[in-house]
Amino acid sequence: MIKTILVDDEKGALETLTGMLKLFCKDVQILGKASSANTARELIEKFNPDLIFLDINMPFENGFDLLGSLEHHDFHVIFTTAHNNYALKAIKFGVLDYLLKPINFKELQEAVAKVPRRKISKSQYNIFRAHQLDDKHEQIVLPHKEGYRIVNYKEILRLSGERNYTKIYFLNGEQLLVAKTLKEYEELLGSHNFFRVHQSNIINMNCVKGYINGRGGVIQLIDDTEVDLARSRKKEFLQLLESITNESF
């Protein structure tokens, strides 16, 4: 069983999530509910949960404030919010998933299915802390079935979408299946010279070796991988490639 605590300042939201978990997520056991960060801290200390569902917008202390106030935690976090403008910050805090209200039951089931078998170790938590304080945003937290991995953006060659998961391909040849969608990484990596070349692929523009012209064309990466370029993205890709090439000289 996955032992969980629900945190939301809206009574109706707590009742709705409770009902959905009981109906659609039979392997989740609700240990307690909190309507404030203070009560949540008390429940966390009392029950030591595996997972918390955490609302972001709460009075006095929001969900980020709560996580930032804890000296250490080993539970996983799924954010619940009515606003979609916190996704990048959620990734920076290393949360497992991010559900928009009103919560869809299928998305809820998919989020629960991503909960790793192990809790967060002290070393992983320390890395989360360092990542949260990293103003240069040089690192990224990658949640996967065994836990979490934190890497520098420059280590990533490309990403491919696989339904609600993303496969990360690294420069050293390693691969990692990550429990987040490709769209989330498109938003996060866009300022680091990554570009979505196709519906199912994002590439590190610094790793482009060549381009074969065509309706859309084919992009050659430094590991000799060839990735199709969507026709609708061709103009933007060539402009970006030209600007990166000019910067290197």
C-alpha atoms as a PDB file:
ATOM      1  CA  MET A   1       0.000   0.000   0.000  1.00  0.00           C
ATOM      2  CA  ILE A   2       1.064   3.574  -0.699  1.00  0.00           C
ATOM      3  CA  LYS A   3       0.487   5.589   2.456  1.00  0.00           C
ATOM      4  CA  THR A   4      -0.516   9.154   1.697  1.00  0.00           C
ATOM      5  CA  ILE A   5      -1.566  12.509   3.164  1.00  0.00           C
ATOM      6  CA  LEU A   6      -3.788  14.993   1.351  1.00  0.00           C
ATOM      7  CA  VAL A   7      -3.074  18.720   1.739  1.00  0.00           C
ATOM      8  CA  ASP A   8      -5.503  21.344   0.410  1.00  0.00           C
ATOM      9  CA  ASP A   9      -7.128  24.415   1.962  1.00  0.00           C
ATOM     10  CA  GLU A  10     -10.392  23.746   0.095  1.00  0.00           C
ATOM     11  CA  LYS A  11     -12.676  21.252   1.823  1.00  0.00           C
ATOM     12  CA  GLY A  12     -14.430  20.357  -1.419  1.00  0.00           C
ATOM     13  CA  ALA A  13     -11.122  19.582  -3.130  1.00  0.00           C
ATOM     14  CA  LEU A  14     -10.114  17.280  -0.261  1.00  0.00           C
ATOM     15  CA  GLU A  15     -13.432  15.430  -0.425  1.00  0.00           C
ATOM     16  CA  THR A  16     -13.221  15.058  -4.211  1.00  0.00           C
ATOM     17  CA  LEU A  17      -9.657  13.725  -4.146  1.00  0.00           C
ATOM     18  CA  THR A  18     -10.529  11.365  -1.288  1.00  0.00           C
ATOM     19  CA  GLY A  19     -13.409   9.900  -3.277  1.00  0.00           C
ATOM     20  CA  MET A  20     -11.335   9.543  -6.444  1.00  0.00           C
ATOM     21  CA  LEU A  21      -8.485   7.780  -4.651  1.00  0.00           C
ATOM     22  CA  LYS A  22     -10.853   5.340  -2.950  1.00  0.00           C
ATOM     23  CA  LEU A  23     -12.597   4.608  -6.232  1.00  0.00           C
ATOM     24  CA  PHE A  24      -9.727   4.549  -8.717  1.00  0.00           C
ATOM     25  CA  CYS A  25      -6.540   3.953  -6.704  1.00  0.00           C
ATOM     26  CA  LYS A  26      -7.136   0.960  -4.466  1.00  0.00           C
ATOM     27  CA  ASP A  27      -3.455   0.675  -3.502  1.00  0.00           C
ATOM     28  CA  VAL A  28      -3.453   4.111  -1.847  1.00  0.00           C
ATOM     29  CA  GLN A  29      -4.185   4.402   1.880  1.00  0.00           C
ATOM     30  CA  ILE A  30      -5.134   7.869   3.138  1.00  0.00           C
ATOM     31  CA  LEU A  31      -3.554   8.459   6.566  1.00  0.00           C
ATOM     32  CA  GLY A  32      -4.717  12.012   7.100  1.00  0.00           C
ATOM     33  CA  LYS A  33      -5.873  15.293   5.588  1.00  0.00           C
ATOM     34  CA  ALA A  34      -4.642  18.835   6.193  1.00  0.00           C
ATOM     35  CA  SER A  35      -6.024  22.235   5.212  1.00  0.00           C
ATOM     36  CA  SER A  36      -2.845  24.177   6.023  1.00  0.00           C
ATOM     37  CA  ALA A  37       0.924  23.812   5.927  1.00  0.00           C
ATOM     38  CA  ASN A  38       1.105  23.754   9.729  1.00  0.00           C
ATOM     39  CA  THR A  39      -1.309  20.827  10.009  1.00  0.00           C
ATOM     40  CA  ALA A  40       0.469  19.084   7.143  1.00  0.00           C
ATOM     41  CA  ARG A  41       3.809  19.262   9.000  1.00  0.00           C
ATOM     42  CA  GLU A  42       2.174  17.671  12.063  1.00  0.00           C
ATOM     43  CA  LEU A  43       0.700  14.833   9.985  1.00  0.00           C
ATOM     44  CA  ILE A  44       3.980  14.251   8.157  1.00  0.00           C
ATOM     45  CA  GLU A  45       5.830  13.913  11.463  1.00  0.00           C
ATOM     46  CA  LYS A  46       3.125  11.648  12.900  1.00  0.00           C
ATOM     47  CA  PHE A  47       2.584   9.274   9.964  1.00  0.00           C
ATOM     48  CA  ASN A  48       5.797   9.379   7.873  1.00  0.00           C
ATOM     49  CA  PRO A  49       3.880   8.966   4.570  1.00  0.00           C
ATOM     50  CA  ASP A  50       5.178   7.539   1.300  1.00  0.00           C
ATOM     51  CA  LEU A  51       3.413  10.225  -0.725  1.00  0.00           C
ATOM     52  CA  ILE A  52       1.611  13.527  -0.262  1.00  0.00           C
ATOM     53  CA  PHE A  53      -0.879  15.191  -2.579  1.00  0.00           C
ATOM     54  CA  LEU A  54      -0.098  18.859  -2.114  1.00  0.00           C
ATOM     55  CA  ASP A  55      -2.088  21.900  -3.198  1.00  0.00           C
ATOM     56  CA  ILE A  56       0.123  24.803  -4.298  1.00  0.00           C
ATOM     57  CA  ASN A  57      -2.060  27.842  -3.603  1.00  0.00           C
ATOM     58  CA  MET A  58      -2.822  27.965   0.125  1.00  0.00           C
ATOM     59  CA  PRO A  59      -3.013  30.993   2.463  1.00  0.00           C
ATOM     60  CA  PHE A  60      -0.034  31.939   4.659  1.00  0.00           C
ATOM     61  CA  GLU A  61       2.227  29.170   3.307  1.00  0.00           C
ATOM     62  CA  ASN A  62       1.830  27.616  -0.136  1.00  0.00           C
ATOM     63  CA  GLY A  63       2.960  24.169  -1.217  1.00  0.00           C
ATOM     64  CA  PHE A  64       6.455  25.349  -2.159  1.00  0.00           C
ATOM     65  CA  ASP A  65       6.814  27.064   1.226  1.00  0.00           C
ATOM     66  CA  LEU A  66       5.867  23.840   2.987  1.00  0.00           C
ATOM     67  CA  LEU A  67       8.455  21.776   1.128  1.00  0.00           C
ATOM     68  CA  GLY A  68      11.094  24.467   1.592  1.00  0.00           C
ATOM     69  CA  SER A  69      10.469  24.567   5.348  1.00  0.00           C
ATOM     70  CA  LEU A  70      11.212  20.875   5.910  1.00  0.00           C
ATOM     71  CA  GLU A  71      14.727  20.061   7.036  1.00  0.00           C
ATOM     72  CA  HIS A  72      14.424  16.711   5.298  1.00  0.00           C
ATOM     73  CA  HIS A  73      11.681  14.607   3.778  1.00  0.00           C
ATOM     74  CA  ASP A  74      11.692  11.153   2.219  1.00  0.00           C
ATOM     75  CA  PHE A  75       8.180  11.131   0.747  1.00  0.00           C
ATOM     76  CA  HIS A  76       7.224  11.704  -2.875  1.00  0.00           C
ATOM     77  CA  VAL A  77       5.069  14.654  -3.903  1.00  0.00           C
ATOM     78  CA  ILE A  78       2.237  15.054  -6.389  1.00  0.00           C
ATOM     79  CA  PHE A  79       1.138  18.665  -6.745  1.00  0.00           C
ATOM     80  CA  THR A  80      -2.530  19.503  -7.275  1.00  0.00           C
ATOM     81  CA  THR A  81      -3.456  22.978  -8.485  1.00  0.00           C
ATOM     82  CA  ALA A  82      -5.986  24.913 -10.528  1.00  0.00           C
ATOM     83  CA  HIS A  83      -3.194  26.898 -12.200  1.00  0.00           C
ATOM     84  CA  ASN A  84      -0.879  25.669 -14.946  1.00  0.00           C
ATOM     85  CA  ASN A  85       1.922  28.223 -14.476  1.00  0.00           C
ATOM     86  CA  TYR A  86       3.845  26.334 -11.795  1.00  0.00           C
ATOM     87  CA  ALA A  87       5.051  23.384 -13.871  1.00  0.00           C
ATOM     88  CA  LEU A  88       8.669  24.530 -14.241  1.00  0.00           C
ATOM     89  CA  LYS A  89       9.031  25.341 -10.555  1.00  0.00           C
ATOM     90  CA  ALA A  90       7.457  21.984  -9.679  1.00  0.00           C
ATOM     91  CA  ILE A  91      10.080  20.189 -11.744  1.00  0.00           C
ATOM     92  CA  LYS A  92      12.807  22.211 -10.014  1.00  0.00           C
ATOM     93  CA  PHE A  93      11.491  21.032  -6.629  1.00  0.00           C
ATOM     94  CA  GLY A  94      11.706  17.435  -7.806  1.00  0.00           C
ATOM     95  CA  VAL A  95       8.013  16.631  -7.463  1.00  0.00           C
ATOM     96  CA  LEU A  96       6.842  13.363  -8.945  1.00  0.00           C
ATOM     97  CA  ASP A  97       3.865  14.735 -10.863  1.00  0.00           C
ATOM     98  CA  TYR A  98       1.634  17.766 -11.346  1.00  0.00           C
ATOM     99  CA  LEU A  99      -2.163  17.432 -11.606  1.00  0.00           C
ATOM    100  CA  LEU A 100      -4.428  20.244 -12.765  1.00  0.00           C
ATOM    101  CA  LYS A 101      -7.839  20.672 -11.120  1.00  0.00           C
ATOM    102  CA  PRO A 102     -10.424  19.459 -11.842  1.00  0.00           C
ATOM    103  CA  ILE A 103      -8.406  16.259 -11.627  1.00  0.00           C
ATOM    104  CA  ASN A 104      -8.961  13.669 -14.323  1.00  0.00           C
ATOM    105  CA  PHE A 105      -9.219  10.141 -12.902  1.00  0.00           C
ATOM    106  CA  LYS A 106      -6.988   8.644 -15.605  1.00  0.00           C
ATOM    107  CA  GLU A 107      -4.279  11.242 -14.957  1.00  0.00           C
ATOM    108  CA  LEU A 108      -4.605  10.516 -11.234  1.00  0.00           C
ATOM    109  CA  GLN A 109      -4.111   6.790 -11.826  1.00  0.00           C
ATOM    110  CA  GLU A 110      -1.119   7.476 -14.064  1.00  0.00           C
ATOM    111  CA  ALA A 111       0.431   9.748 -11.445  1.00  0.00           C
ATOM    112  CA  VAL A 112       0.038   7.159  -8.682  1.00  0.00           C
ATOM    113  CA  ALA A 113       1.522   4.491 -10.967  1.00  0.00           C
ATOM    114  CA  LYS A 114       4.702   6.581 -11.160  1.00  0.00           C
ATOM    115  CA  VAL A 115       5.373   6.429  -7.408  1.00  0.00           C
ATOM    116  CA  PRO A 116       8.808   4.771  -7.012  1.00  0.00           C
ATOM    117  CA  ARG A 117       9.154   1.684  -4.855  1.00  0.00           C
ATOM    118  CA  ARG A 118      11.721   3.439  -2.671  1.00  0.00           C
ATOM    119  CA  LYS A 119      11.456   6.577  -0.596  1.00  0.00           C
ATOM    120  CA  ILE A 120      13.752   9.541  -1.214  1.00  0.00           C
ATOM    121  CA  SER A 121      17.183   8.988   0.324  1.00  0.00           C
ATOM    122  CA  LYS A 122      19.040  11.620   2.318  1.00  0.00           C
ATOM    123  CA  SER A 123      21.554  12.070  -0.494  1.00  0.00           C
ATOM    124  CA  GLN A 124      18.757  12.524  -3.067  1.00  0.00           C
ATOM    125  CA  TYR A 125      17.064  15.077  -0.834  1.00  0.00           C
ATOM    126  CA  ASN A 126      20.300  17.028  -0.462  1.00  0.00           C
ATOM    127  CA  ILE A 127      20.585  17.128  -4.240  1.00  0.00           C
ATOM    128  CA  PHE A 128      17.002  18.416  -4.454  1.00  0.00           C
ATOM    129  CA  ARG A 129      17.955  21.200  -2.068  1.00  0.00           C
ATOM    130  CA  ALA A 130      20.989  22.139  -4.113  1.00  0.00           C
ATOM    131  CA  HIS A 131      18.873  22.021  -7.259  1.00  0.00           C
ATOM    132  CA  GLN A 132      16.273  24.357  -5.759  1.00  0.00           C
ATOM    133  CA  LEU A 133      18.994  26.883  -4.948  1.00  0.00           C
ATOM    134  CA  ASP A 134      20.689  26.592  -8.344  1.00  0.00           C
ATOM    135  CA  ASP A 135      20.060  30.040  -9.844  1.00  0.00           C
ATOM    136  CA  LYS A 136      21.914  29.122 -13.042  1.00  0.00           C
ATOM    137  CA  HIS A 137      19.472  26.243 -13.662  1.00  0.00           C
ATOM    138  CA  GLU A 138      22.232  23.975 -14.954  1.00  0.00           C
ATOM    139  CA  GLN A 139      20.713  20.770 -13.591  1.00  0.00           C
ATOM    140  CA  ILE A 140      17.474  18.876 -13.986  1.00  0.00           C
ATOM    141  CA  VAL A 141      15.714  16.309 -11.776  1.00  0.00           C
ATOM    142  CA  LEU A 142      14.663  13.133 -13.612  1.00  0.00           C
ATOM    143  CA  PRO A 143      12.125  10.930 -11.734  1.00  0.00           C
ATOM    144  CA  HIS A 144      12.142   7.263 -12.795  1.00  0.00           C
ATOM    145  CA  LYS A 145      10.912   3.936 -11.445  1.00  0.00           C
ATOM    146  CA  GLU A 146      13.899   3.438  -9.144  1.00  0.00           C
ATOM    147  CA  GLY A 147      13.922   6.980  -7.743  1.00  0.00           C
ATOM    148  CA  TYR A 148      15.515  10.143  -9.074  1.00  0.00           C
ATOM    149  CA  ARG A 149      18.547  11.149 -11.089  1.00  0.00           C
ATOM    150  CA  ILE A 150      19.976  14.648 -11.361  1.00  0.00           C
ATOM    151  CA  VAL A 151      22.013  15.583 -14.416  1.00  0.00           C
ATOM    152  CA  ASN A 152      23.431  18.614 -16.162  1.00  0.00           C
ATOM    153  CA  TYR A 153      21.466  19.723 -19.223  1.00  0.00           C
ATOM    154  CA  LYS A 154      24.609  19.410 -21.335  1.00  0.00           C
ATOM    155  CA  GLU A 155      24.667  15.637 -20.727  1.00  0.00           C
ATOM    156  CA  ILE A 156      21.405  15.151 -22.663  1.00  0.00           C
ATOM    157  CA  LEU A 157      21.514  14.381 -26.390  1.00  0.00           C
ATOM    158  CA  ARG A 158      17.804  14.076 -27.148  1.00  0.00           C
ATOM    159  CA  LEU A 159      14.418  13.140 -25.706  1.00  0.00           C
ATOM    160  CA  SER A 160      11.596  11.083 -27.215  1.00  0.00           C
ATOM    161  CA  GLY A 161       7.991  10.934 -26.046  1.00  0.00           C
ATOM    162  CA  GLU A 162       6.376   7.639 -25.070  1.00  0.00           C
ATOM    163  CA  ARG A 163       2.789   8.444 -24.043  1.00  0.00           C
ATOM    164  CA  ASN A 164       3.002   9.807 -20.476  1.00  0.00           C
ATOM    165  CA  TYR A 165       6.708   9.057 -20.227  1.00  0.00           C
ATOM    166  CA  THR A 166       9.831  10.454 -21.842  1.00  0.00           C
ATOM    167  CA  LYS A 167      12.946   8.525 -22.835  1.00  0.00           C
ATOM    168  CA  ILE A 168      16.135  10.502 -22.252  1.00  0.00           C
ATOM    169  CA  TYR A 169      19.187   9.731 -24.403  1.00  0.00           C
ATOM    170  CA  PHE A 170      22.532  10.820 -22.952  1.00  0.00           C
ATOM    171  CA  LEU A 171      25.775  11.708 -24.690  1.00  0.00           C
ATOM    172  CA  ASN A 172      27.498   8.728 -23.051  1.00  0.00           C
ATOM    173  CA  GLY A 173      25.034   6.302 -24.659  1.00  0.00           C
ATOM    174  CA  GLU A 174      22.850   5.716 -21.580  1.00  0.00           C
ATOM    175  CA  GLN A 175      19.054   5.849 -21.741  1.00  0.00           C
ATOM    176  CA  LEU A 176      16.518   6.575 -19.001  1.00  0.00           C
ATOM    177  CA  LEU A 177      12.706   6.323 -19.039  1.00  0.00           C
ATOM    178  CA  VAL A 178      11.343   9.246 -17.048  1.00  0.00           C
ATOM    179  CA  ALA A 179       7.899   9.698 -15.517  1.00  0.00           C
ATOM    180  CA  LYS A 180       7.043  13.021 -17.193  1.00  0.00           C
ATOM    181  CA  THR A 181       5.638  14.041 -20.571  1.00  0.00           C
ATOM    182  CA  LEU A 182       7.669  15.429 -23.433  1.00  0.00           C
ATOM    183  CA  LYS A 183       5.710  18.701 -23.297  1.00  0.00           C
ATOM    184  CA  GLU A 184       6.955  19.384 -19.754  1.00  0.00           C
ATOM    185  CA  TYR A 185      10.547  19.057 -20.903  1.00  0.00           C
ATOM    186  CA  GLU A 186       9.883  21.184 -23.977  1.00  0.00           C
ATOM    187  CA  GLU A 187       8.981  24.095 -21.695  1.00  0.00           C
ATOM    188  CA  LEU A 188      11.826  23.450 -19.297  1.00  0.00           C
ATOM    189  CA  LEU A 189      14.615  22.958 -21.828  1.00  0.00           C
ATOM    190  CA  GLY A 190      13.694  25.603 -24.380  1.00  0.00           C
ATOM    191  CA  SER A 191      16.050  28.181 -22.853  1.00  0.00           C
ATOM    192  CA  HIS A 192      18.968  25.718 -23.007  1.00  0.00           C
ATOM    193  CA  ASN A 193      19.159  25.321 -26.798  1.00  0.00           C
ATOM    194  CA  PHE A 194      16.838  22.321 -26.942  1.00  0.00           C
ATOM    195  CA  PHE A 195      14.266  22.266 -29.734  1.00  0.00           C
ATOM    196  CA  ARG A 196      11.182  20.156 -30.411  1.00  0.00           C
ATOM    197  CA  VAL A 197      11.784  18.986 -33.970  1.00  0.00           C
ATOM    198  CA  HIS A 198       8.796  16.680 -34.164  1.00  0.00           C
ATOM    199  CA  GLN A 199       5.747  15.697 -32.137  1.00  0.00           C
ATOM    200  CA  SER A 200       7.742  12.935 -30.477  1.00  0.00           C
ATOM    201  CA  ASN A 201      11.310  14.312 -30.359  1.00  0.00           C
ATOM    202  CA  ILE A 202      13.328  17.078 -28.710  1.00  0.00           C
ATOM    203  CA  ILE A 203      17.005  17.482 -29.533  1.00  0.00           C
ATOM    204  CA  ASN A 204      19.980  19.287 -28.034  1.00  0.00           C
ATOM    205  CA  MET A 205      20.817  21.801 -30.763  1.00  0.00           C
ATOM    206  CA  ASN A 206      24.437  21.827 -29.606  1.00  0.00           C
ATOM    207  CA  CYS A 207      24.630  18.186 -30.694  1.00  0.00           C
ATOM    208  CA  VAL A 208      23.534  18.690 -34.303  1.00  0.00           C
ATOM    209  CA  LYS A 209      26.148  17.407 -36.772  1.00  0.00           C
ATOM    210  CA  GLY A 210      24.313  17.906 -40.028  1.00  0.00           C
ATOM    211  CA  TYR A 211      21.009  18.385 -41.817  1.00  0.00           C
ATOM    212  CA  ILE A 212      19.626  16.647 -44.917  1.00  0.00           C
ATOM    213  CA  ASN A 213      17.143  18.832 -46.748  1.00  0.00           C
ATOM    214  CA  GLY A 214      13.649  17.590 -47.629  1.00  0.00           C
ATOM    215  CA  ARG A 215       9.985  18.495 -47.049  1.00  0.00           C
ATOM    216  CA  GLY A 216      10.880  18.585 -43.423  1.00  0.00           C
ATOM    217  CA  GLY A 217      14.288  17.055 -43.607  1.00  0.00           C
ATOM    218  CA  VAL A 218      16.443  14.820 -41.463  1.00  0.00           C
ATOM    219  CA  ILE A 219      18.690  15.995 -38.628  1.00  0.00           C
ATOM    220  CA  GLN A 220      21.950  14.176 -37.964  1.00  0.00           C
ATOM    221  CA  LEU A 221      23.226  14.177 -34.389  1.00  0.00           C
ATOM    222  CA  ILE A 222      26.802  13.688 -33.200  1.00  0.00           C
ATOM    223  CA  ASP A 223      26.138  10.034 -32.267  1.00  0.00           C
ATOM    224  CA  ASP A 224      25.042   9.413 -35.899  1.00  0.00           C
ATOM    225  CA  THR A 225      21.367   9.235 -34.897  1.00  0.00           C
ATOM    226  CA  GLU A 226      19.012  10.607 -37.542  1.00  0.00           C
ATOM    227  CA  VAL A 227      15.832  12.374 -36.402  1.00  0.00           C
ATOM    228  CA  ASP A 228      12.998  13.489 -38.690  1.00  0.00           C
ATOM    229  CA  LEU A 229      12.164  17.192 -38.736  1.00  0.00           C
ATOM    230  CA  ALA A 230       8.493  18.150 -39.038  1.00  0.00           C
ATOM    231  CA  ARG A 231       7.758  20.349 -42.035  1.00  0.00           C
ATOM    232  CA  SER A 232       6.006  22.885 -39.788  1.00  0.00           C
ATOM    233  CA  ARG A 233       9.158  23.263 -37.660  1.00  0.00           C
ATOM    234  CA  LYS A 234      11.680  23.521 -40.505  1.00  0.00           C
ATOM    235  CA  LYS A 235      11.902  27.305 -40.754  1.00  0.00           C
ATOM    236  CA  GLU A 236      12.292  27.801 -36.999  1.00  0.00           C
ATOM    237  CA  PHE A 237      14.854  24.992 -36.777  1.00  0.00           C
ATOM    238  CA  LEU A 238      17.034  26.441 -39.553  1.00  0.00           C
ATOM    239  CA  GLN A 239      16.888  29.905 -37.990  1.00  0.00           C
ATOM    240  CA  LEU A 240      17.895  28.523 -34.608  1.00  0.00           C
ATOM    241  CA  LEU A 241      20.650  26.405 -36.129  1.00  0.00           C
ATOM    242  CA  GLU A 242      22.030  29.479 -37.933  1.00  0.00           C
ATOM    243  CA  SER A 243      22.010  31.573 -34.761  1.00  0.00           C
ATOM    244  CA  ILE A 244      23.816  28.864 -32.758  1.00  0.00           C
ATOM    245  CA  THR A 245      26.371  28.415 -35.552  1.00  0.00           C
ATOM    246  CA  ASN A 246      27.030  32.158 -35.685  1.00  0.00           C
ATOM    247  CA  GLU A 247      27.483  32.317 -31.893  1.00  0.00           C
ATOM    248  CA  SER A 248      30.172  29.634 -32.069  1.00  0.00           C
ATOM    249  CA  PHE A 249      32.377  31.785 -34.288  1.00  0.00           C
END
